[in-house]
Structure formats: C-alpha cells, structure tokens
Amino acid sequence: MVPFERTWPYDIIMGDIYVSSCPFCDGENVLLPLRPEELKLIQEGKKRLLVFPCCYNQITVIDIDRDYLLADRALPGRK
C-alpha cells in the first residue's frame, strides 16, 4: 500500500506537468521541471530529484502513476 502522506497529485496540460499547489509554499499552478518523456523512466524505477521552482524545496520522486507523484519522504501538505 502506498503511503498517502508521500503522494502529491499532478496534471499534464499541453505537454507541461503542473501541480495545482506546492506542498511546501502553497504556490498555485506550479510548472514542474519534468518532461512527459521522463515519466516512463520514473515508472521503470529511475529516481528523479525534483526542485519546485516556486520555493526551491526538493524531493526525490521514486515512482509515478497517471495521477500522483510518490516522494521518498512525507510531504508537508499531507496529514
């Protein structure tokens, strides 16, 4: 079972990957520095350091599905 506190929803809009809000600073509609081509590599097991451009906090994405990022640690916006 995937721990809910380590997940964060994302969307792909016109080839760009967004989160509706940043888990660290609550910035809205944050464009992530990820390309859709990288999602398959992450699904296959490659870890990816993700730096949120709004506040420069970082997580390591260890898995991803069609709706959620899975981080290596709990995210502050989840309880």
N, C-alpha and C. Protein backbone atom coordinates (compact mmCIF):
# COMPACT_ATOMS: atom_id res chain seq x y z
N MET A 1 0.83 -1.18 0.00
CA MET A 1 0.00 0.00 0.00
C MET A 1 0.89 1.25 0.00
N VAL A 2 0.53 2.21 -0.82
CA VAL A 2 1.29 3.44 -0.95
C VAL A 2 0.92 4.39 0.19
N PRO A 3 1.91 4.94 0.89
CA PRO A 3 1.61 5.88 1.98
C PRO A 3 1.11 7.21 1.41
N PHE A 4 -0.10 7.59 1.78
CA PHE A 4 -0.76 8.79 1.27
C PHE A 4 0.05 10.06 1.55
N GLU A 5 0.72 10.12 2.68
CA GLU A 5 1.46 11.33 3.05
C GLU A 5 2.69 11.58 2.17
N ARG A 6 3.04 10.61 1.33
CA ARG A 6 4.18 10.77 0.42
C ARG A 6 3.77 10.99 -1.02
N THR A 7 2.48 11.20 -1.28
CA THR A 7 2.00 11.40 -2.64
C THR A 7 1.55 12.84 -2.86
N TRP A 8 1.58 13.26 -4.13
CA TRP A 8 1.10 14.59 -4.49
C TRP A 8 0.52 14.52 -5.90
N PRO A 9 -0.69 15.06 -6.12
CA PRO A 9 -1.31 14.99 -7.44
C PRO A 9 -0.66 15.94 -8.43
N TYR A 10 -0.66 15.54 -9.70
CA TYR A 10 -0.13 16.39 -10.76
C TYR A 10 -1.04 16.27 -11.98
N ASP A 11 -0.87 17.19 -12.92
CA ASP A 11 -1.62 17.19 -14.17
C ASP A 11 -0.67 17.45 -15.33
N ILE A 12 -1.01 16.90 -16.48
CA ILE A 12 -0.28 17.21 -17.71
C ILE A 12 -1.22 18.06 -18.56
N ILE A 13 -0.78 19.27 -18.86
CA ILE A 13 -1.57 20.20 -19.66
C ILE A 13 -0.72 20.67 -20.83
N MET A 14 -1.14 20.30 -22.03
CA MET A 14 -0.44 20.67 -23.27
C MET A 14 1.05 20.34 -23.22
N GLY A 15 1.38 19.17 -22.67
CA GLY A 15 2.77 18.71 -22.65
C GLY A 15 3.59 19.22 -21.48
N ASP A 16 3.00 20.03 -20.61
CA ASP A 16 3.70 20.52 -19.42
C ASP A 16 3.10 19.85 -18.18
N ILE A 17 3.93 19.65 -17.17
CA ILE A 17 3.49 18.98 -15.94
C ILE A 17 3.36 20.03 -14.84
N TYR A 18 2.17 20.08 -14.25
CA TYR A 18 1.84 21.07 -13.22
C TYR A 18 1.36 20.37 -11.96
N VAL A 19 1.53 21.04 -10.82
CA VAL A 19 0.81 20.69 -9.61
C VAL A 19 -0.09 21.88 -9.30
N SER A 20 -1.28 21.61 -8.79
CA SER A 20 -2.21 22.72 -8.54
C SER A 20 -1.74 23.59 -7.38
N SER A 21 -1.00 23.00 -6.46
CA SER A 21 -0.41 23.79 -5.37
C SER A 21 0.88 23.11 -4.91
N CYS A 22 1.81 23.92 -4.46
CA CYS A 22 3.09 23.41 -3.96
C CYS A 22 2.89 22.86 -2.55
N PRO A 23 3.44 21.70 -2.24
CA PRO A 23 3.28 21.15 -0.89
C PRO A 23 4.08 21.92 0.16
N PHE A 24 5.00 22.76 -0.25
CA PHE A 24 5.86 23.48 0.69
C PHE A 24 5.41 24.92 0.93
N CYS A 25 5.15 25.66 -0.16
CA CYS A 25 4.84 27.09 0.00
C CYS A 25 3.43 27.45 -0.41
N ASP A 26 2.64 26.48 -0.84
CA ASP A 26 1.26 26.68 -1.29
C ASP A 26 1.15 27.54 -2.54
N GLY A 27 2.24 27.67 -3.31
CA GLY A 27 2.16 28.36 -4.59
C GLY A 27 1.17 27.65 -5.50
N GLU A 28 0.45 28.40 -6.32
CA GLU A 28 -0.59 27.82 -7.15
C GLU A 28 -0.12 27.60 -8.58
N ASN A 29 -0.63 26.53 -9.20
CA ASN A 29 -0.34 26.18 -10.60
C ASN A 29 1.15 26.22 -10.90
N VAL A 30 1.90 25.40 -10.20
CA VAL A 30 3.35 25.37 -10.32
C VAL A 30 3.76 24.46 -11.48
N LEU A 31 4.50 25.02 -12.43
CA LEU A 31 5.04 24.27 -13.55
C LEU A 31 6.27 23.52 -13.08
N LEU A 32 6.24 22.19 -13.17
CA LEU A 32 7.37 21.39 -12.69
C LEU A 32 8.42 21.22 -13.78
N PRO A 33 9.68 21.15 -13.39
CA PRO A 33 10.75 20.94 -14.37
C PRO A 33 10.88 19.45 -14.74
N LEU A 34 9.79 18.88 -15.21
CA LEU A 34 9.73 17.49 -15.67
C LEU A 34 9.15 17.48 -17.07
N ARG A 35 9.61 16.58 -17.90
CA ARG A 35 9.05 16.39 -19.23
C ARG A 35 8.22 15.10 -19.22
N PRO A 36 7.18 15.05 -20.01
CA PRO A 36 6.37 13.82 -20.06
C PRO A 36 7.19 12.57 -20.42
N GLU A 37 8.27 12.74 -21.18
CA GLU A 37 9.11 11.60 -21.54
C GLU A 37 9.80 10.99 -20.31
N GLU A 38 10.04 11.80 -19.29
CA GLU A 38 10.72 11.33 -18.08
C GLU A 38 9.82 10.47 -17.21
N LEU A 39 8.51 10.59 -17.37
CA LEU A 39 7.58 9.86 -16.52
C LEU A 39 7.75 8.35 -16.69
N LYS A 40 7.96 7.88 -17.91
CA LYS A 40 8.16 6.45 -18.14
C LYS A 40 9.43 5.94 -17.45
N LEU A 41 10.50 6.74 -17.49
CA LEU A 41 11.74 6.35 -16.81
C LEU A 41 11.53 6.22 -15.31
N ILE A 42 10.77 7.15 -14.73
CA ILE A 42 10.48 7.09 -13.29
C ILE A 42 9.64 5.86 -12.98
N GLN A 43 8.66 5.56 -13.84
CA GLN A 43 7.84 4.36 -13.64
C GLN A 43 8.67 3.09 -13.70
N GLU A 44 9.73 3.11 -14.49
CA GLU A 44 10.60 1.94 -14.63
C GLU A 44 11.62 1.83 -13.50
N GLY A 45 11.63 2.77 -12.56
CA GLY A 45 12.49 2.65 -11.39
C GLY A 45 13.57 3.69 -11.23
N LYS A 46 13.72 4.60 -12.18
CA LYS A 46 14.74 5.64 -12.06
C LYS A 46 14.23 6.73 -11.11
N LYS A 47 15.04 7.08 -10.13
CA LYS A 47 14.68 8.14 -9.20
C LYS A 47 14.99 9.48 -9.85
N ARG A 48 14.23 10.51 -9.47
CA ARG A 48 14.42 11.84 -10.07
C ARG A 48 14.32 12.91 -9.00
N LEU A 49 15.37 13.72 -8.87
CA LEU A 49 15.34 14.86 -7.96
C LEU A 49 14.45 15.92 -8.59
N LEU A 50 13.47 16.39 -7.82
CA LEU A 50 12.54 17.40 -8.31
C LEU A 50 12.66 18.63 -7.42
N VAL A 51 13.01 19.76 -8.02
CA VAL A 51 13.12 21.03 -7.30
C VAL A 51 11.94 21.88 -7.72
N PHE A 52 11.15 22.28 -6.74
CA PHE A 52 9.99 23.13 -7.02
C PHE A 52 10.49 24.54 -7.31
N PRO A 53 10.17 25.09 -8.49
CA PRO A 53 10.71 26.39 -8.89
C PRO A 53 10.15 27.56 -8.08
N CYS A 54 9.06 27.36 -7.38
CA CYS A 54 8.45 28.45 -6.62
C CYS A 54 9.19 28.74 -5.31
N CYS A 55 9.75 27.71 -4.69
CA CYS A 55 10.38 27.90 -3.37
C CYS A 55 11.71 27.16 -3.23
N TYR A 56 12.11 26.42 -4.27
CA TYR A 56 13.37 25.68 -4.32
C TYR A 56 13.48 24.54 -3.32
N ASN A 57 12.37 24.14 -2.71
CA ASN A 57 12.39 22.92 -1.91
C ASN A 57 12.47 21.74 -2.87
N GLN A 58 12.99 20.63 -2.38
CA GLN A 58 13.20 19.50 -3.27
C GLN A 58 12.75 18.19 -2.65
N ILE A 59 12.35 17.29 -3.54
CA ILE A 59 12.00 15.92 -3.16
C ILE A 59 12.64 14.99 -4.19
N THR A 60 12.75 13.74 -3.83
CA THR A 60 13.15 12.72 -4.79
C THR A 60 11.90 11.94 -5.15
N VAL A 61 11.56 11.96 -6.43
CA VAL A 61 10.40 11.21 -6.92
C VAL A 61 10.87 9.78 -7.17
N ILE A 62 10.24 8.83 -6.48
CA ILE A 62 10.66 7.43 -6.60
C ILE A 62 9.70 6.61 -7.44
N ASP A 63 8.49 7.12 -7.66
CA ASP A 63 7.53 6.43 -8.53
C ASP A 63 6.48 7.44 -8.94
N ILE A 64 5.74 7.07 -9.97
CA ILE A 64 4.72 7.97 -10.50
C ILE A 64 3.66 7.12 -11.18
N ASP A 65 2.42 7.57 -11.12
CA ASP A 65 1.38 6.92 -11.90
C ASP A 65 0.68 8.00 -12.72
N ARG A 66 -0.51 7.74 -13.21
CA ARG A 66 -1.18 8.71 -14.07
C ARG A 66 -1.67 9.94 -13.32
N ASP A 67 -1.74 9.87 -11.99
CA ASP A 67 -2.30 10.97 -11.22
C ASP A 67 -1.41 11.52 -10.12
N TYR A 68 -0.50 10.70 -9.58
CA TYR A 68 0.25 11.09 -8.39
C TYR A 68 1.75 10.87 -8.53
N LEU A 69 2.50 11.77 -7.91
CA LEU A 69 3.94 11.60 -7.71
C LEU A 69 4.12 10.91 -6.37
N LEU A 70 5.09 10.02 -6.24
CA LEU A 70 5.42 9.38 -4.97
C LEU A 70 6.81 9.84 -4.57
N ALA A 71 6.89 10.51 -3.43
CA ALA A 71 8.16 11.05 -2.94
C ALA A 71 8.85 10.07 -2.00
N ASP A 72 10.11 10.34 -1.72
CA ASP A 72 10.89 9.49 -0.81
C ASP A 72 10.63 9.80 0.65
N ARG A 73 9.88 10.86 0.91
CA ARG A 73 9.58 11.24 2.30
C ARG A 73 8.19 11.86 2.35
N ALA A 74 7.68 12.06 3.54
CA ALA A 74 6.38 12.68 3.71
C ALA A 74 6.40 14.13 3.26
N LEU A 75 5.34 14.56 2.62
CA LEU A 75 5.24 15.94 2.16
C LEU A 75 4.48 16.76 3.18
N PRO A 76 4.89 18.02 3.42
CA PRO A 76 4.29 18.79 4.49
C PRO A 76 2.82 19.13 4.27
N GLY A 77 2.32 19.14 3.05
CA GLY A 77 0.93 19.47 2.80
C GLY A 77 -0.03 18.32 3.08
N ARG A 78 0.50 17.12 3.38
CA ARG A 78 -0.32 15.93 3.63
C ARG A 78 -0.33 15.64 5.12
N LYS A 79 -1.48 15.20 5.59
CA LYS A 79 -1.60 14.83 7.00
C LYS A 79 -2.18 13.45 7.11
